[in-house]
């Protein structure tokens, strides 16, 4: 074999190896990448109510870690699917508070502070938009299919804010409202506030 052919063969072999290593790395990354389906499978495989204290605490930490590994799109998918509601209903008040605190995105509280600095009219429009989305999600998740005995979320219907709570959210600001809300209300509001945080951080246009 001539030196030129040998060089070409080595080069081709090197390219194949590089491609194989690259593909292998991608496959491994995809295998370990967390998504909503993996979190759902874990949530549906564990009955929190039947666990002893130590196993229960470990299961909650595992769920928190998995949720924190999700992108904003996958977190939204996980929230809409509703498996978290079954866990939430079986949590104590302390566990609910711990779960919410542990799964809030980095910079979430700073976002609420920044939101309070926006002009009053812009804050009102954003809150109105979030409340509208919340009501629409509630309608979609509680509507029953023809002939169905339960809604899309079964007996664990999403929280819907009363007119009093809506007015409170508008008048005292999201930061105070979120801090003073029940764990259930925080859980319902969190996905919309996460979207707001993403919009503010990415510079995406928000309602005027």
Protein backbone atom coordinates (compact mmCIF):
# COMPACT_ATOMS: atom_id res chain seq x y z
CA UNK A 1 0.00 0.00 0.00
CA UNK A 2 1.38 3.39 -0.96
CA UNK A 3 2.05 6.07 1.64
CA UNK A 4 -0.76 8.22 0.17
CA UNK A 5 -3.33 5.43 0.46
CA UNK A 6 -2.13 4.64 3.96
CA UNK A 7 -2.55 8.30 4.97
CA UNK A 8 -6.04 8.44 3.46
CA UNK A 9 -7.02 5.21 5.22
CA UNK A 10 -5.76 6.51 8.58
CA UNK A 11 -7.60 9.79 8.05
CA UNK A 12 -10.83 7.99 7.17
CA UNK A 13 -10.46 5.73 10.20
CA UNK A 14 -9.89 8.74 12.44
CA UNK A 15 -13.04 10.40 11.11
CA UNK A 16 -15.06 7.26 11.78
CA UNK A 17 -13.71 7.08 15.33
CA UNK A 18 -14.51 10.74 15.94
CA UNK A 19 -18.06 10.19 14.64
CA UNK A 20 -18.52 7.10 16.79
CA UNK A 21 -17.28 8.86 19.91
CA UNK A 22 -19.49 11.86 19.13
CA UNK A 23 -22.55 9.71 18.55
CA UNK A 24 -21.82 7.69 21.68
CA UNK A 25 -21.52 10.85 23.76
CA UNK A 26 -24.79 12.17 22.36
CA UNK A 27 -26.56 8.85 23.04
CA UNK A 28 -25.29 8.80 26.62
CA UNK A 29 -26.33 12.42 27.17
CA UNK A 30 -29.81 11.70 25.81
CA UNK A 31 -30.11 8.64 28.05
CA UNK A 32 -29.36 10.65 31.20
CA UNK A 33 -31.22 13.79 30.12
CA UNK A 34 -34.28 14.31 32.31
CA UNK A 35 -37.65 14.85 30.66
CA UNK A 36 -41.28 14.99 31.78
CA UNK A 37 -41.98 11.38 30.78
CA UNK A 38 -39.22 10.09 33.06
CA UNK A 39 -40.51 12.16 35.97
CA UNK A 40 -44.06 10.90 35.31
CA UNK A 41 -42.90 7.30 35.29
CA UNK A 42 -41.12 7.79 38.59
CA UNK A 43 -44.09 9.60 40.14
CA UNK A 44 -46.50 6.89 39.02
CA UNK A 45 -44.22 4.12 40.31
CA UNK A 46 -44.18 5.39 43.90
CA UNK A 47 -47.10 5.49 46.34
CA UNK A 48 -46.00 8.19 48.76
CA UNK A 49 -48.76 7.38 51.25
CA UNK A 50 -47.40 3.86 51.79
CA UNK A 51 -43.80 4.85 52.52
CA UNK A 52 -42.17 4.98 55.94
CA UNK A 53 -40.69 8.30 57.08
CA UNK A 54 -37.11 7.72 55.85
CA UNK A 55 -38.19 6.28 52.50
CA UNK A 56 -40.73 9.05 52.13
CA UNK A 57 -38.12 11.77 52.63
CA UNK A 58 -35.79 10.05 50.14
CA UNK A 59 -38.61 9.74 47.57
CA UNK A 60 -39.42 13.44 47.89
CA UNK A 61 -35.76 14.39 47.42
CA UNK A 62 -35.57 12.16 44.35
CA UNK A 63 -38.67 13.78 42.87
CA UNK A 64 -37.29 17.26 43.57
CA UNK A 65 -33.99 16.39 41.88
CA UNK A 66 -35.79 15.04 38.82
CA UNK A 67 -38.04 18.10 38.53
CA UNK A 68 -35.02 20.40 38.89
CA UNK A 69 -33.41 18.57 35.97
CA UNK A 70 -36.22 19.57 33.61
CA UNK A 71 -36.13 22.38 31.07
CA UNK A 72 -38.88 25.00 31.34
CA UNK A 73 -40.79 23.29 28.52
CA UNK A 74 -40.54 19.88 30.20
CA UNK A 75 -41.50 21.35 33.59
CA UNK A 76 -44.62 22.76 31.96
CA UNK A 77 -45.41 19.38 30.41
CA UNK A 78 -44.94 17.65 33.78
CA UNK A 79 -47.21 20.20 35.45
CA UNK A 80 -49.97 19.88 32.84
CA UNK A 81 -49.90 16.07 32.95
CA UNK A 82 -50.97 16.22 36.59
CA UNK A 83 -49.04 13.38 38.26
CA UNK A 84 -47.66 15.87 40.77
CA UNK A 85 -51.15 16.48 42.15
CA UNK A 86 -51.41 12.94 43.52
CA UNK A 87 -48.12 13.41 45.37
CA UNK A 88 -49.09 16.89 46.53
CA UNK A 89 -52.35 15.66 48.03
CA UNK A 90 -50.42 13.11 50.10
CA UNK A 91 -47.79 15.56 51.34
CA UNK A 92 -47.88 17.22 54.73
CA UNK A 93 -47.92 21.03 54.81
CA UNK A 94 -44.20 21.03 55.66
CA UNK A 95 -43.46 18.68 52.76
CA UNK A 96 -45.46 20.87 50.38
CA UNK A 97 -43.51 23.94 51.44
CA UNK A 98 -40.22 22.06 51.10
CA UNK A 99 -41.14 20.77 47.62
CA UNK A 100 -42.09 24.22 46.35
CA UNK A 101 -38.99 25.85 47.81
CA UNK A 102 -36.72 23.11 46.46
CA UNK A 103 -38.12 23.19 42.91
CA UNK A 104 -38.28 26.93 42.35
CA UNK A 105 -35.87 27.88 39.55
CA UNK A 106 -32.62 29.66 40.35
CA UNK A 107 -33.21 33.40 40.48
CA UNK A 108 -36.96 33.03 41.01
CA UNK A 109 -37.10 35.36 44.03
CA UNK A 110 -34.91 37.90 42.27
CA UNK A 111 -37.37 37.80 39.38
CA UNK A 112 -40.24 38.65 41.71
CA UNK A 113 -38.24 41.61 43.01
CA UNK A 114 -37.54 42.77 39.45
CA UNK A 115 -41.21 42.36 38.53
CA UNK A 116 -42.21 44.74 41.34
CA UNK A 117 -40.04 47.42 39.70
CA UNK A 118 -42.10 47.36 36.48
CA UNK A 119 -44.66 50.14 35.88
CA UNK A 120 -48.05 49.55 37.51
CA UNK A 121 -49.91 49.23 34.20
CA UNK A 122 -47.47 46.62 32.86
CA UNK A 123 -47.63 44.59 36.05
CA UNK A 124 -51.43 44.64 35.94
CA UNK A 125 -51.50 43.47 32.32
CA UNK A 126 -49.10 40.62 33.06
CA UNK A 127 -51.10 39.49 36.09
CA UNK A 128 -54.33 39.66 34.07
CA UNK A 129 -52.72 37.53 31.37
CA UNK A 130 -51.52 34.92 33.90
CA UNK A 131 -54.94 34.74 35.56
CA UNK A 132 -56.56 34.28 32.16
CA UNK A 133 -54.17 31.40 31.37
CA UNK A 134 -54.81 29.87 34.79
CA UNK A 135 -58.58 29.90 34.22
CA UNK A 136 -58.17 28.40 30.75
CA UNK A 137 -55.94 25.62 32.09
CA UNK A 138 -58.50 24.96 34.82
CA UNK A 139 -61.31 24.77 32.26
CA UNK A 140 -59.35 22.43 29.98
CA UNK A 141 -58.33 20.12 32.83
CA UNK A 142 -61.76 19.90 34.46
CA UNK A 143 -63.86 19.54 31.31
CA UNK A 144 -65.11 15.99 30.94
CA UNK A 145 -65.06 13.95 27.81
CA UNK A 146 -68.50 12.71 26.70
CA UNK A 147 -69.39 9.68 28.83
CA UNK A 148 -66.41 10.12 31.16
CA UNK A 149 -66.94 9.76 34.90
CA UNK A 150 -64.05 12.01 35.87
CA UNK A 151 -62.32 15.09 34.59
CA UNK A 152 -58.85 15.03 33.05
CA UNK A 153 -57.32 15.31 36.54
CA UNK A 154 -59.66 12.84 38.23
CA UNK A 155 -60.75 13.89 41.70
CA UNK A 156 -57.69 16.14 42.08
CA UNK A 157 -59.09 19.19 40.30
CA UNK A 158 -56.74 22.15 39.81
CA UNK A 159 -57.08 25.09 42.15
CA UNK A 160 -58.95 28.02 40.66
CA UNK A 161 -58.53 31.46 42.24
CA UNK A 162 -61.56 33.17 43.68
CA UNK A 163 -62.38 36.75 42.69
CA UNK A 164 -61.05 37.83 46.09
CA UNK A 165 -57.69 36.13 45.50
CA UNK A 166 -57.49 37.56 41.97
CA UNK A 167 -58.01 41.08 43.33
CA UNK A 168 -55.45 40.43 46.02
CA UNK A 169 -52.88 39.35 43.43
CA UNK A 170 -53.48 42.59 41.55
CA UNK A 171 -53.40 44.92 44.55
CA UNK A 172 -50.56 43.63 46.74
CA UNK A 173 -48.23 42.47 43.96
CA UNK A 174 -47.01 39.02 42.95
CA UNK A 175 -44.14 38.91 45.44
CA UNK A 176 -46.35 39.40 48.49
CA UNK A 177 -49.20 37.36 47.03
CA UNK A 178 -46.92 34.41 46.32
CA UNK A 179 -45.31 34.60 49.76
CA UNK A 180 -48.68 34.67 51.55
CA UNK A 181 -50.49 32.09 49.39
CA UNK A 182 -51.27 28.52 50.36
CA UNK A 183 -49.04 25.73 49.09
CA UNK A 184 -51.78 24.69 46.63
CA UNK A 185 -52.03 28.21 45.16
CA UNK A 186 -48.24 28.48 44.91
CA UNK A 187 -48.12 25.17 43.07
CA UNK A 188 -50.73 26.36 40.57
CA UNK A 189 -49.11 29.74 40.03
CA UNK A 190 -45.48 28.58 39.84
CA UNK A 191 -45.48 27.49 36.14
CA UNK A 192 -46.78 30.89 35.01
CA UNK A 193 -44.26 32.72 37.14
CA UNK A 194 -41.51 30.51 35.73
CA UNK A 195 -42.59 31.53 32.23
CA UNK A 196 -42.52 35.16 33.30
CA UNK A 197 -39.01 34.68 34.70
CA UNK A 198 -37.89 33.09 31.43
CA UNK A 199 -39.38 35.98 29.43
CA UNK A 200 -37.71 38.62 31.59
CA UNK A 201 -34.34 36.87 31.55
CA UNK A 202 -34.39 36.24 27.80
CA UNK A 203 -35.56 39.76 26.98
CA UNK A 204 -38.67 38.36 25.31
CA UNK A 205 -41.44 40.86 24.82
CA UNK A 206 -43.99 40.87 27.65
CA UNK A 207 -47.43 42.51 27.62
CA UNK A 208 -47.38 46.30 27.74
